[in-house]
Amino acid sequence: MLSSDYYRIAKVIIEDSSSYLLKNTLLVLKLGINLILARYLCKDRIKGYFNAKNIYFKKDNKILIYT
């Protein structure tokens, strides 16, 4: 079972070398990754978009996260 009690701030480096701090990311130690909930991104006025292959999160016309 995976669990975590740690909510932290994650720093995202954008392709233009600028950065953005994402609040309320959940650190899962056994996976060694941070989990981000889309609803928290939306609370920070980050907009989500998707198509058949990708998901994008943008703020101020910059892509912060894509997969």
PDB file of N, CA and C in Angstrom:
ATOM      1  N   MET A   1       0.827  -1.180   0.000  1.00  0.00           N
ATOM      2  CA  MET A   1       0.000   0.000   0.000  1.00  0.00           C
ATOM      3  C   MET A   1       0.872   1.245   0.000  1.00  0.00           C
ATOM      4  N   LEU A   2       0.523   2.193  -0.828  1.00  0.00           N
ATOM      5  CA  LEU A   2       1.232   3.459  -0.878  1.00  0.00           C
ATOM      6  C   LEU A   2       0.449   4.500  -0.101  1.00  0.00           C
ATOM      7  N   SER A   3       1.158   5.307   0.647  1.00  0.00           N
ATOM      8  CA  SER A   3       0.493   6.389   1.360  1.00  0.00           C
ATOM      9  C   SER A   3       1.463   7.545   1.538  1.00  0.00           C
ATOM     10  N   SER A   4       0.899   8.701   1.841  1.00  0.00           N
ATOM     11  CA  SER A   4       1.720   9.877   2.065  1.00  0.00           C
ATOM     12  C   SER A   4       0.936  10.892   2.867  1.00  0.00           C
ATOM     13  N   ASP A   5       1.626  11.592   3.729  1.00  0.00           N
ATOM     14  CA  ASP A   5       1.022  12.667   4.513  1.00  0.00           C
ATOM     15  C   ASP A   5       1.667  14.011   4.187  1.00  0.00           C
ATOM     16  N   TYR A   6       2.460  14.065   3.166  1.00  0.00           N
ATOM     17  CA  TYR A   6       3.248  15.254   2.874  1.00  0.00           C
ATOM     18  C   TYR A   6       2.722  16.016   1.665  1.00  0.00           C
ATOM     19  N   TYR A   7       2.201  17.191   1.916  1.00  0.00           N
ATOM     20  CA  TYR A   7       1.846  18.102   0.831  1.00  0.00           C
ATOM     21  C   TYR A   7       2.936  19.152   0.773  1.00  0.00           C
ATOM     22  N   ARG A   8       3.482  19.363  -0.378  1.00  0.00           N
ATOM     23  CA  ARG A   8       4.599  20.285  -0.540  1.00  0.00           C
ATOM     24  C   ARG A   8       4.365  21.187  -1.746  1.00  0.00           C
ATOM     25  N   ILE A   9       5.361  22.000  -2.019  1.00  0.00           N
ATOM     26  CA  ILE A   9       5.377  22.843  -3.217  1.00  0.00           C
ATOM     27  C   ILE A   9       6.410  22.251  -4.167  1.00  0.00           C
ATOM     28  N   ALA A  10       5.999  22.023  -5.411  1.00  0.00           N
ATOM     29  CA  ALA A  10       6.914  21.493  -6.425  1.00  0.00           C
ATOM     30  C   ALA A  10       7.284  22.607  -7.396  1.00  0.00           C
ATOM     31  N   LYS A  11       8.527  22.637  -7.794  1.00  0.00           N
ATOM     32  CA  LYS A  11       8.998  23.630  -8.759  1.00  0.00           C
ATOM     33  C   LYS A  11       9.010  22.991 -10.142  1.00  0.00           C
ATOM     34  N   VAL A  12       8.313  23.620 -11.086  1.00  0.00           N
ATOM     35  CA  VAL A  12       8.257  23.149 -12.462  1.00  0.00           C
ATOM     36  C   VAL A  12       9.117  24.078 -13.307  1.00  0.00           C
ATOM     37  N   ILE A  13      10.059  23.511 -14.037  1.00  0.00           N
ATOM     38  CA  ILE A  13      10.899  24.291 -14.949  1.00  0.00           C
ATOM     39  C   ILE A  13      10.247  24.230 -16.327  1.00  0.00           C
ATOM     40  N   ILE A  14       9.961  25.391 -16.885  1.00  0.00           N
ATOM     41  CA  ILE A  14       9.291  25.495 -18.176  1.00  0.00           C
ATOM     42  C   ILE A  14      10.355  25.529 -19.275  1.00  0.00           C
ATOM     43  N   GLU A  15       9.969  25.172 -20.494  1.00  0.00           N
ATOM     44  CA  GLU A  15      10.928  25.076 -21.607  1.00  0.00           C
ATOM     45  C   GLU A  15      11.712  26.351 -21.859  1.00  0.00           C
ATOM     46  N   ASP A  16      11.132  27.521 -21.545  1.00  0.00           N
ATOM     47  CA  ASP A  16      11.870  28.779 -21.750  1.00  0.00           C
ATOM     48  C   ASP A  16      12.783  29.108 -20.569  1.00  0.00           C
ATOM     49  N   SER A  17      13.026  28.134 -19.689  1.00  0.00           N
ATOM     50  CA  SER A  17      13.890  28.220 -18.506  1.00  0.00           C
ATOM     51  C   SER A  17      13.283  29.001 -17.347  1.00  0.00           C
ATOM     52  N   SER A  18      12.077  29.496 -17.491  1.00  0.00           N
ATOM     53  CA  SER A  18      11.417  30.100 -16.341  1.00  0.00           C
ATOM     54  C   SER A  18      10.855  28.971 -15.474  1.00  0.00           C
ATOM     55  N   SER A  19      10.354  29.313 -14.312  1.00  0.00           N
ATOM     56  CA  SER A  19       9.834  28.275 -13.425  1.00  0.00           C
ATOM     57  C   SER A  19       8.516  28.718 -12.802  1.00  0.00           C
ATOM     58  N   TYR A  20       7.796  27.744 -12.266  1.00  0.00           N
ATOM     59  CA  TYR A  20       6.519  27.999 -11.612  1.00  0.00           C
ATOM     60  C   TYR A  20       6.425  27.061 -10.419  1.00  0.00           C
ATOM     61  N   LEU A  21       5.891  27.562  -9.303  1.00  0.00           N
ATOM     62  CA  LEU A  21       5.725  26.749  -8.107  1.00  0.00           C
ATOM     63  C   LEU A  21       4.300  26.225  -8.041  1.00  0.00           C
ATOM     64  N   LEU A  22       4.162  24.913  -7.958  1.00  0.00           N
ATOM     65  CA  LEU A  22       2.856  24.276  -7.840  1.00  0.00           C
ATOM     66  C   LEU A  22       2.602  23.938  -6.379  1.00  0.00           C
ATOM     67  N   LYS A  23       1.515  24.461  -5.834  1.00  0.00           N
ATOM     68  CA  LYS A  23       1.162  24.213  -4.443  1.00  0.00           C
ATOM     69  C   LYS A  23       0.424  22.880  -4.330  1.00  0.00           C
ATOM     70  N   ASN A  24       0.397  22.343  -3.120  1.00  0.00           N
ATOM     71  CA  ASN A  24      -0.386  21.157  -2.783  1.00  0.00           C
ATOM     72  C   ASN A  24      -0.045  19.927  -3.619  1.00  0.00           C
ATOM     73  N   THR A  25       1.215  19.707  -3.886  1.00  0.00           N
ATOM     74  CA  THR A  25       1.610  18.461  -4.534  1.00  0.00           C
ATOM     75  C   THR A  25       1.856  17.424  -3.450  1.00  0.00           C
ATOM     76  N   LEU A  26       1.507  16.212  -3.723  1.00  0.00           N
ATOM     77  CA  LEU A  26       1.610  15.133  -2.755  1.00  0.00           C
ATOM     78  C   LEU A  26       2.849  14.309  -3.058  1.00  0.00           C
ATOM     79  N   LEU A  27       3.765  14.255  -2.113  1.00  0.00           N
ATOM     80  CA  LEU A  27       4.988  13.470  -2.277  1.00  0.00           C
ATOM     81  C   LEU A  27       4.723  12.035  -1.847  1.00  0.00           C
ATOM     82  N   VAL A  28       4.913  11.095  -2.769  1.00  0.00           N
ATOM     83  CA  VAL A  28       4.768   9.667  -2.469  1.00  0.00           C
ATOM     84  C   VAL A  28       6.174   9.082  -2.424  1.00  0.00           C
ATOM     85  N   LEU A  29       6.666   8.867  -1.230  1.00  0.00           N
ATOM     86  CA  LEU A  29       8.060   8.477  -1.049  1.00  0.00           C
ATOM     87  C   LEU A  29       8.411   7.160  -1.725  1.00  0.00           C
ATOM     88  N   LYS A  30       7.561   6.136  -1.620  1.00  0.00           N
ATOM     89  CA  LYS A  30       7.889   4.831  -2.200  1.00  0.00           C
ATOM     90  C   LYS A  30       7.953   4.867  -3.720  1.00  0.00           C
ATOM     91  N   LEU A  31       7.245   5.813  -4.344  1.00  0.00           N
ATOM     92  CA  LEU A  31       7.317   5.964  -5.791  1.00  0.00           C
ATOM     93  C   LEU A  31       8.403   6.938  -6.209  1.00  0.00           C
ATOM     94  N   GLY A  32       8.778   7.836  -5.308  1.00  0.00           N
ATOM     95  CA  GLY A  32       9.777   8.846  -5.618  1.00  0.00           C
ATOM     96  C   GLY A  32       9.272   9.913  -6.575  1.00  0.00           C
ATOM     97  N   ILE A  33       7.947  10.158  -6.549  1.00  0.00           N
ATOM     98  CA  ILE A  33       7.357  11.158  -7.437  1.00  0.00           C
ATOM     99  C   ILE A  33       6.391  12.052  -6.662  1.00  0.00           C
ATOM    100  N   ASN A  34       6.027  13.148  -7.277  1.00  0.00           N
ATOM    101  CA  ASN A  34       4.987  14.028  -6.754  1.00  0.00           C
ATOM    102  C   ASN A  34       3.716  13.813  -7.551  1.00  0.00           C
ATOM    103  N   LEU A  35       2.595  13.742  -6.870  1.00  0.00           N
ATOM    104  CA  LEU A  35       1.300  13.652  -7.524  1.00  0.00           C
ATOM    105  C   LEU A  35       0.630  15.013  -7.467  1.00  0.00           C
ATOM    106  N   ILE A  36       0.016  15.398  -8.552  1.00  0.00           N
ATOM    107  CA  ILE A  36      -0.628  16.703  -8.653  1.00  0.00           C
ATOM    108  C   ILE A  36      -2.096  16.473  -8.975  1.00  0.00           C
ATOM    109  N   LEU A  37      -2.982  17.070  -8.207  1.00  0.00           N
ATOM    110  CA  LEU A  37      -4.406  16.958  -8.476  1.00  0.00           C
ATOM    111  C   LEU A  37      -4.853  18.100  -9.369  1.00  0.00           C
ATOM    112  N   ALA A  38      -5.559  17.769 -10.427  1.00  0.00           N
ATOM    113  CA  ALA A  38      -6.001  18.786 -11.387  1.00  0.00           C
ATOM    114  C   ALA A  38      -6.874  19.839 -10.728  1.00  0.00           C
ATOM    115  N   ARG A  39      -7.675  19.468  -9.751  1.00  0.00           N
ATOM    116  CA  ARG A  39      -8.544  20.471  -9.114  1.00  0.00           C
ATOM    117  C   ARG A  39      -7.738  21.535  -8.378  1.00  0.00           C
ATOM    118  N   TYR A  40      -6.577  21.154  -7.813  1.00  0.00           N
ATOM    119  CA  TYR A  40      -5.733  22.160  -7.179  1.00  0.00           C
ATOM    120  C   TYR A  40      -5.088  23.071  -8.214  1.00  0.00           C
ATOM    121  N   LEU A  41      -4.741  22.522  -9.363  1.00  0.00           N
ATOM    122  CA  LEU A  41      -4.202  23.360 -10.431  1.00  0.00           C
ATOM    123  C   LEU A  41      -5.244  24.387 -10.863  1.00  0.00           C
ATOM    124  N   CYS A  42      -6.476  23.943 -11.010  1.00  0.00           N
ATOM    125  CA  CYS A  42      -7.541  24.852 -11.430  1.00  0.00           C
ATOM    126  C   CYS A  42      -7.813  25.931 -10.391  1.00  0.00           C
ATOM    127  N   LYS A  43      -7.654  25.613  -9.114  1.00  0.00           N
ATOM    128  CA  LYS A  43      -7.820  26.621  -8.061  1.00  0.00           C
ATOM    129  C   LYS A  43      -6.762  27.718  -8.180  1.00  0.00           C
ATOM    130  N   ASP A  44      -5.605  27.372  -8.711  1.00  0.00           N
ATOM    131  CA  ASP A  44      -4.532  28.347  -8.921  1.00  0.00           C
ATOM    132  C   ASP A  44      -4.632  29.027 -10.284  1.00  0.00           C
ATOM    133  N   ARG A  45      -5.800  28.932 -10.905  1.00  0.00           N
ATOM    134  CA  ARG A  45      -6.081  29.554 -12.206  1.00  0.00           C
ATOM    135  C   ARG A  45      -5.215  29.007 -13.339  1.00  0.00           C
ATOM    136  N   ILE A  46      -4.877  27.742 -13.221  1.00  0.00           N
ATOM    137  CA  ILE A  46      -4.186  27.032 -14.293  1.00  0.00           C
ATOM    138  C   ILE A  46      -5.264  26.292 -15.066  1.00  0.00           C
ATOM    139  N   LYS A  47      -5.269  26.430 -16.371  1.00  0.00           N
ATOM    140  CA  LYS A  47      -6.310  25.817 -17.202  1.00  0.00           C
ATOM    141  C   LYS A  47      -5.811  24.518 -17.811  1.00  0.00           C
ATOM    142  N   GLY A  48      -6.696  23.521 -17.840  1.00  0.00           N
ATOM    143  CA  GLY A  48      -6.362  22.237 -18.409  1.00  0.00           C
ATOM    144  C   GLY A  48      -7.023  22.053 -19.763  1.00  0.00           C
ATOM    145  N   TYR A  49      -6.300  21.450 -20.692  1.00  0.00           N
ATOM    146  CA  TYR A  49      -6.792  21.159 -22.041  1.00  0.00           C
ATOM    147  C   TYR A  49      -6.385  19.737 -22.383  1.00  0.00           C
ATOM    148  N   PHE A  50      -7.159  19.089 -23.211  1.00  0.00           N
ATOM    149  CA  PHE A  50      -6.761  17.758 -23.645  1.00  0.00           C
ATOM    150  C   PHE A  50      -7.276  17.495 -25.049  1.00  0.00           C
ATOM    151  N   ASN A  51      -6.605  16.548 -25.707  1.00  0.00           N
ATOM    152  CA  ASN A  51      -7.065  16.038 -26.994  1.00  0.00           C
ATOM    153  C   ASN A  51      -6.964  14.516 -26.930  1.00  0.00           C
ATOM    154  N   ALA A  52      -7.021  13.848 -28.034  1.00  0.00           N
ATOM    155  CA  ALA A  52      -7.017  12.379 -28.039  1.00  0.00           C
ATOM    156  C   ALA A  52      -5.708  11.783 -27.514  1.00  0.00           C
ATOM    157  N   LYS A  53      -4.610  12.533 -27.549  1.00  0.00           N
ATOM    158  CA  LYS A  53      -3.315  11.987 -27.168  1.00  0.00           C
ATOM    159  C   LYS A  53      -2.644  12.685 -25.989  1.00  0.00           C
ATOM    160  N   ASN A  54      -2.991  13.926 -25.697  1.00  0.00           N
ATOM    161  CA  ASN A  54      -2.232  14.710 -24.727  1.00  0.00           C
ATOM    162  C   ASN A  54      -3.121  15.454 -23.746  1.00  0.00           C
ATOM    163  N   ILE A  55      -2.520  15.797 -22.600  1.00  0.00           N
ATOM    164  CA  ILE A  55      -3.140  16.668 -21.616  1.00  0.00           C
ATOM    165  C   ILE A  55      -2.166  17.821 -21.387  1.00  0.00           C
ATOM    166  N   TYR A  56      -2.684  19.043 -21.377  1.00  0.00           N
ATOM    167  CA  TYR A  56      -1.873  20.238 -21.177  1.00  0.00           C
ATOM    168  C   TYR A  56      -2.437  21.049 -20.019  1.00  0.00           C
ATOM    169  N   PHE A  57      -1.570  21.647 -19.233  1.00  0.00           N
ATOM    170  CA  PHE A  57      -1.970  22.615 -18.225  1.00  0.00           C
ATOM    171  C   PHE A  57      -1.214  23.905 -18.514  1.00  0.00           C
ATOM    172  N   LYS A  58      -1.972  25.007 -18.672  1.00  0.00           N
ATOM    173  CA  LYS A  58      -1.386  26.291 -19.061  1.00  0.00           C
ATOM    174  C   LYS A  58      -1.742  27.383 -18.063  1.00  0.00           C
ATOM    175  N   LYS A  59      -0.829  28.324 -17.914  1.00  0.00           N
ATOM    176  CA  LYS A  59      -1.094  29.553 -17.173  1.00  0.00           C
ATOM    177  C   LYS A  59      -0.377  30.683 -17.884  1.00  0.00           C
ATOM    178  N   ASP A  60      -1.083  31.790 -18.050  1.00  0.00           N
ATOM    179  CA  ASP A  60      -0.522  32.964 -18.734  1.00  0.00           C
ATOM    180  C   ASP A  60       0.037  32.587 -20.108  1.00  0.00           C
ATOM    181  N   ASN A  61      -0.671  31.724 -20.816  1.00  0.00           N
ATOM    182  CA  ASN A  61      -0.313  31.290 -22.170  1.00  0.00           C
ATOM    183  C   ASN A  61       0.986  30.478 -22.238  1.00  0.00           C
ATOM    184  N   LYS A  62       1.472  29.989 -21.109  1.00  0.00           N
ATOM    185  CA  LYS A  62       2.654  29.124 -21.082  1.00  0.00           C
ATOM    186  C   LYS A  62       2.220  27.724 -20.691  1.00  0.00           C
ATOM    187  N   ILE A  63       2.744  26.732 -21.374  1.00  0.00           N
ATOM    188  CA  ILE A  63       2.472  25.355 -21.011  1.00  0.00           C
ATOM    189  C   ILE A  63       3.346  25.002 -19.816  1.00  0.00           C
ATOM    190  N   LEU A  64       2.715  24.658 -18.690  1.00  0.00           N
ATOM    191  CA  LEU A  64       3.435  24.265 -17.499  1.00  0.00           C
ATOM    192  C   LEU A  64       3.699  22.767 -17.473  1.00  0.00           C
ATOM    193  N   ILE A  65       2.663  22.006 -17.843  1.00  0.00           N
ATOM    194  CA  ILE A  65       2.742  20.545 -17.779  1.00  0.00           C
ATOM    195  C   ILE A  65       2.055  19.988 -19.016  1.00  0.00           C
ATOM    196  N   TYR A  66       2.670  18.995 -19.624  1.00  0.00           N
ATOM    197  CA  TYR A  66       1.988  18.261 -20.685  1.00  0.00           C
ATOM    198  C   TYR A  66       2.398  16.805 -20.625  1.00  0.00           C
ATOM    199  N   THR A  67       1.493  15.967 -21.024  1.00  0.00           N
ATOM    200  CA  THR A  67       1.763  14.548 -21.038  1.00  0.00           C
ATOM    201  C   THR A  67       1.034  13.894 -22.190  1.00  0.00           C
TER     202      THR A  67
END
